[in-house]
Amino acid sequence: MEVDLLRDITELKVPVYFCTGRRDYNVPFELVIEYLEKLRAPHKKIIWQYK
């Protein structure tokens, strides 16, 4: 719980994929979008889950 991804992990040297849903109550999709915008990586993508 001490790691703040937005502050501590700003660059990865591998492709990054996030699977999230717009109705996810554990991790709001807004946080995923915010992190993806700040993260530097060779390839970044959100895979949206709708069920």
PDB file of N, CA and C in Angstrom:
ATOM      1  N   MET A   1       0.810  -1.192   0.000  1.00  0.00           N
ATOM      2  CA  MET A   1       0.000   0.000   0.000  1.00  0.00           C
ATOM      3  C   MET A   1       0.860   1.265   0.000  1.00  0.00           C
ATOM      4  N   GLU A   2       2.160   1.097   0.058  1.00  0.00           N
ATOM      5  CA  GLU A   2       3.038   2.267   0.094  1.00  0.00           C
ATOM      6  C   GLU A   2       3.478   2.734  -1.285  1.00  0.00           C
ATOM      7  N   VAL A   3       3.185   1.970  -2.322  1.00  0.00           N
ATOM      8  CA  VAL A   3       3.586   2.351  -3.671  1.00  0.00           C
ATOM      9  C   VAL A   3       2.493   3.216  -4.289  1.00  0.00           C
ATOM     10  N   ASP A   4       2.882   4.366  -4.767  1.00  0.00           N
ATOM     11  CA  ASP A   4       1.980   5.262  -5.491  1.00  0.00           C
ATOM     12  C   ASP A   4       2.411   5.211  -6.956  1.00  0.00           C
ATOM     13  N   LEU A   5       1.678   4.462  -7.773  1.00  0.00           N
ATOM     14  CA  LEU A   5       2.077   4.274  -9.168  1.00  0.00           C
ATOM     15  C   LEU A   5       2.212   5.604  -9.906  1.00  0.00           C
ATOM     16  N   LEU A   6       1.300   6.520  -9.663  1.00  0.00           N
ATOM     17  CA  LEU A   6       1.357   7.816 -10.348  1.00  0.00           C
ATOM     18  C   LEU A   6       2.639   8.569 -10.028  1.00  0.00           C
ATOM     19  N   ARG A   7       3.180   8.353  -8.852  1.00  0.00           N
ATOM     20  CA  ARG A   7       4.393   9.063  -8.433  1.00  0.00           C
ATOM     21  C   ARG A   7       5.652   8.214  -8.636  1.00  0.00           C
ATOM     22  N   ASP A   8       5.578   6.918  -8.334  1.00  0.00           N
ATOM     23  CA  ASP A   8       6.783   6.083  -8.244  1.00  0.00           C
ATOM     24  C   ASP A   8       7.142   5.323  -9.525  1.00  0.00           C
ATOM     25  N   ILE A   9       6.162   4.941 -10.304  1.00  0.00           N
ATOM     26  CA  ILE A   9       6.418   4.145 -11.514  1.00  0.00           C
ATOM     27  C   ILE A   9       5.910   4.941 -12.709  1.00  0.00           C
ATOM     28  N   THR A  10       6.786   5.718 -13.312  1.00  0.00           N
ATOM     29  CA  THR A  10       6.370   6.582 -14.423  1.00  0.00           C
ATOM     30  C   THR A  10       6.860   6.099 -15.779  1.00  0.00           C
ATOM     31  N   GLU A  11       7.707   5.068 -15.779  1.00  0.00           N
ATOM     32  CA  GLU A  11       8.224   4.550 -17.049  1.00  0.00           C
ATOM     33  C   GLU A  11       8.438   3.046 -16.941  1.00  0.00           C
ATOM     34  N   LEU A  12       8.016   2.342 -17.997  1.00  0.00           N
ATOM     35  CA  LEU A  12       8.265   0.911 -18.125  1.00  0.00           C
ATOM     36  C   LEU A  12       8.838   0.663 -19.514  1.00  0.00           C
ATOM     37  N   LYS A  13       9.690  -0.317 -19.616  1.00  0.00           N
ATOM     38  CA  LYS A  13      10.337  -0.602 -20.904  1.00  0.00           C
ATOM     39  C   LYS A  13       9.664  -1.768 -21.633  1.00  0.00           C
ATOM     40  N   VAL A  14       8.457  -2.104 -21.229  1.00  0.00           N
ATOM     41  CA  VAL A  14       7.685  -3.184 -21.841  1.00  0.00           C
ATOM     42  C   VAL A  14       6.307  -2.648 -22.213  1.00  0.00           C
ATOM     43  N   PRO A  15       5.625  -3.301 -23.154  1.00  0.00           N
ATOM     44  CA  PRO A  15       4.246  -2.894 -23.457  1.00  0.00           C
ATOM     45  C   PRO A  15       3.350  -3.074 -22.231  1.00  0.00           C
ATOM     46  N   VAL A  16       2.357  -2.197 -22.100  1.00  0.00           N
ATOM     47  CA  VAL A  16       1.465  -2.222 -20.943  1.00  0.00           C
ATOM     48  C   VAL A  16       0.019  -2.295 -21.423  1.00  0.00           C
ATOM     49  N   TYR A  17      -0.727  -3.233 -20.861  1.00  0.00           N
ATOM     50  CA  TYR A  17      -2.146  -3.401 -21.172  1.00  0.00           C
ATOM     51  C   TYR A  17      -2.930  -3.417 -19.868  1.00  0.00           C
ATOM     52  N   PHE A  18      -4.013  -2.667 -19.821  1.00  0.00           N
ATOM     53  CA  PHE A  18      -4.901  -2.673 -18.661  1.00  0.00           C
ATOM     54  C   PHE A  18      -6.256  -3.199 -19.100  1.00  0.00           C
ATOM     55  N   CYS A  19      -6.767  -4.160 -18.374  1.00  0.00           N
ATOM     56  CA  CYS A  19      -8.133  -4.652 -18.582  1.00  0.00           C
ATOM     57  C   CYS A  19      -8.982  -4.045 -17.477  1.00  0.00           C
ATOM     58  N   THR A  20      -9.958  -3.259 -17.867  1.00  0.00           N
ATOM     59  CA  THR A  20     -10.800  -2.601 -16.877  1.00  0.00           C
ATOM     60  C   THR A  20     -12.204  -2.466 -17.422  1.00  0.00           C
ATOM     61  N   GLY A  21     -13.113  -2.152 -16.544  1.00  0.00           N
ATOM     62  CA  GLY A  21     -14.500  -1.945 -16.941  1.00  0.00           C
ATOM     63  C   GLY A  21     -14.996  -0.599 -16.454  1.00  0.00           C
ATOM     64  N   ARG A  22     -15.939  -0.057 -17.153  1.00  0.00           N
ATOM     65  CA  ARG A  22     -16.490   1.244 -16.754  1.00  0.00           C
ATOM     66  C   ARG A  22     -17.319   1.138 -15.482  1.00  0.00           C
ATOM     67  N   ARG A  23     -17.677  -0.078 -15.078  1.00  0.00           N
ATOM     68  CA  ARG A  23     -18.442  -0.279 -13.842  1.00  0.00           C
ATOM     69  C   ARG A  23     -17.616  -0.992 -12.777  1.00  0.00           C
ATOM     70  N   ASP A  24     -16.313  -0.943 -12.900  1.00  0.00           N
ATOM     71  CA  ASP A  24     -15.420  -1.574 -11.920  1.00  0.00           C
ATOM     72  C   ASP A  24     -15.446  -0.767 -10.636  1.00  0.00           C
ATOM     73  N   TYR A  25     -15.848  -1.396  -9.539  1.00  0.00           N
ATOM     74  CA  TYR A  25     -15.951  -0.677  -8.262  1.00  0.00           C
ATOM     75  C   TYR A  25     -14.669  -0.771  -7.441  1.00  0.00           C
ATOM     76  N   ASN A  26     -13.734  -1.648  -7.820  1.00  0.00           N
ATOM     77  CA  ASN A  26     -12.478  -1.785  -7.088  1.00  0.00           C
ATOM     78  C   ASN A  26     -11.431  -0.784  -7.550  1.00  0.00           C
ATOM     79  N   VAL A  27     -11.341  -0.585  -8.845  1.00  0.00           N
ATOM     80  CA  VAL A  27     -10.395   0.380  -9.409  1.00  0.00           C
ATOM     81  C   VAL A  27     -11.165   1.235 -10.412  1.00  0.00           C
ATOM     82  N   PRO A  28     -11.519   2.457 -10.036  1.00  0.00           N
ATOM     83  CA  PRO A  28     -12.244   3.317 -10.968  1.00  0.00           C
ATOM     84  C   PRO A  28     -11.466   3.507 -12.270  1.00  0.00           C
ATOM     85  N   PHE A  29     -12.158   3.381 -13.390  1.00  0.00           N
ATOM     86  CA  PHE A  29     -11.489   3.484 -14.686  1.00  0.00           C
ATOM     87  C   PHE A  29     -10.826   4.845 -14.873  1.00  0.00           C
ATOM     88  N   GLU A  30     -11.293   5.871 -14.184  1.00  0.00           N
ATOM     89  CA  GLU A  30     -10.667   7.187 -14.289  1.00  0.00           C
ATOM     90  C   GLU A  30      -9.209   7.155 -13.817  1.00  0.00           C
ATOM     91  N   LEU A  31      -8.924   6.344 -12.798  1.00  0.00           N
ATOM     92  CA  LEU A  31      -7.547   6.210 -12.320  1.00  0.00           C
ATOM     93  C   LEU A  31      -6.675   5.492 -13.345  1.00  0.00           C
ATOM     94  N   VAL A  32      -7.251   4.504 -14.021  1.00  0.00           N
ATOM     95  CA  VAL A  32      -6.507   3.788 -15.065  1.00  0.00           C
ATOM     96  C   VAL A  32      -6.144   4.752 -16.188  1.00  0.00           C
ATOM     97  N   ILE A  33      -7.095   5.562 -16.608  1.00  0.00           N
ATOM     98  CA  ILE A  33      -6.846   6.529 -17.676  1.00  0.00           C
ATOM     99  C   ILE A  33      -5.786   7.548 -17.244  1.00  0.00           C
ATOM    100  N   GLU A  34      -5.901   8.043 -16.018  1.00  0.00           N
ATOM    101  CA  GLU A  34      -4.930   9.023 -15.524  1.00  0.00           C
ATOM    102  C   GLU A  34      -3.524   8.438 -15.502  1.00  0.00           C
ATOM    103  N   TYR A  35      -3.406   7.203 -15.030  1.00  0.00           N
ATOM    104  CA  TYR A  35      -2.085   6.569 -14.969  1.00  0.00           C
ATOM    105  C   TYR A  35      -1.537   6.331 -16.371  1.00  0.00           C
ATOM    106  N   LEU A  36      -2.373   5.856 -17.272  1.00  0.00           N
ATOM    107  CA  LEU A  36      -1.913   5.571 -18.634  1.00  0.00           C
ATOM    108  C   LEU A  36      -1.422   6.845 -19.327  1.00  0.00           C
ATOM    109  N   GLU A  37      -2.055   7.969 -19.049  1.00  0.00           N
ATOM    110  CA  GLU A  37      -1.624   9.236 -19.655  1.00  0.00           C
ATOM    111  C   GLU A  37      -0.251   9.666 -19.146  1.00  0.00           C
ATOM    112  N   LYS A  38       0.069   9.359 -17.897  1.00  0.00           N
ATOM    113  CA  LYS A  38       1.355   9.760 -17.316  1.00  0.00           C
ATOM    114  C   LYS A  38       2.467   8.757 -17.564  1.00  0.00           C
ATOM    115  N   LEU A  39       2.109   7.515 -17.819  1.00  0.00           N
ATOM    116  CA  LEU A  39       3.088   6.449 -17.978  1.00  0.00           C
ATOM    117  C   LEU A  39       3.776   6.521 -19.338  1.00  0.00           C
ATOM    118  N   ARG A  40       5.085   6.327 -19.331  1.00  0.00           N
ATOM    119  CA  ARG A  40       5.854   6.207 -20.565  1.00  0.00           C
ATOM    120  C   ARG A  40       6.161   4.730 -20.767  1.00  0.00           C
ATOM    121  N   ALA A  41       5.794   4.220 -21.940  1.00  0.00           N
ATOM    122  CA  ALA A  41       6.022   2.815 -22.280  1.00  0.00           C
ATOM    123  C   ALA A  41       6.014   2.689 -23.796  1.00  0.00           C
ATOM    124  N   PRO A  42       6.648   1.631 -24.326  1.00  0.00           N
ATOM    125  CA  PRO A  42       6.699   1.471 -25.785  1.00  0.00           C
ATOM    126  C   PRO A  42       5.313   1.359 -26.416  1.00  0.00           C
ATOM    127  N   HIS A  43       4.374   0.759 -25.695  1.00  0.00           N
ATOM    128  CA  HIS A  43       2.999   0.623 -26.193  1.00  0.00           C
ATOM    129  C   HIS A  43       2.077   0.576 -24.986  1.00  0.00           C
ATOM    130  N   LYS A  44       0.952   1.296 -25.047  1.00  0.00           N
ATOM    131  CA  LYS A  44      -0.002   1.329 -23.951  1.00  0.00           C
ATOM    132  C   LYS A  44      -1.398   1.154 -24.522  1.00  0.00           C
ATOM    133  N   LYS A  45      -2.232   0.379 -23.817  1.00  0.00           N
ATOM    134  CA  LYS A  45      -3.587   0.172 -24.304  1.00  0.00           C
ATOM    135  C   LYS A  45      -4.497  -0.212 -23.149  1.00  0.00           C
ATOM    136  N   ILE A  46      -5.736   0.300 -23.222  1.00  0.00           N
ATOM    137  CA  ILE A  46      -6.778  -0.133 -22.296  1.00  0.00           C
ATOM    138  C   ILE A  46      -7.677  -1.109 -23.041  1.00  0.00           C
ATOM    139  N   ILE A  47      -7.923  -2.245 -22.446  1.00  0.00           N
ATOM    140  CA  ILE A  47      -8.853  -3.229 -22.986  1.00  0.00           C
ATOM    141  C   ILE A  47     -10.101  -3.131 -22.131  1.00  0.00           C
ATOM    142  N   TRP A  48     -11.175  -2.626 -22.727  1.00  0.00           N
ATOM    143  CA  TRP A  48     -12.409  -2.392 -21.986  1.00  0.00           C
ATOM    144  C   TRP A  48     -13.233  -3.657 -21.877  1.00  0.00           C
ATOM    145  N   GLN A  49     -13.665  -3.959 -20.666  1.00  0.00           N
ATOM    146  CA  GLN A  49     -14.548  -5.089 -20.392  1.00  0.00           C
ATOM    147  C   GLN A  49     -15.956  -4.541 -20.171  1.00  0.00           C
ATOM    148  N   TYR A  50     -16.926  -5.122 -20.816  1.00  0.00           N
ATOM    149  CA  TYR A  50     -18.278  -4.586 -20.742  1.00  0.00           C
ATOM    150  C   TYR A  50     -19.256  -5.451 -19.973  1.00  0.00           C
ATOM    151  N   LYS A  51     -18.870  -6.629 -19.572  1.00  0.00           N
ATOM    152  CA  LYS A  51     -19.809  -7.513 -18.859  1.00  0.00           C
ATOM    153  C   LYS A  51     -19.613  -7.435 -17.388  1.00  0.00           C
TER     154      LYS A  51
END
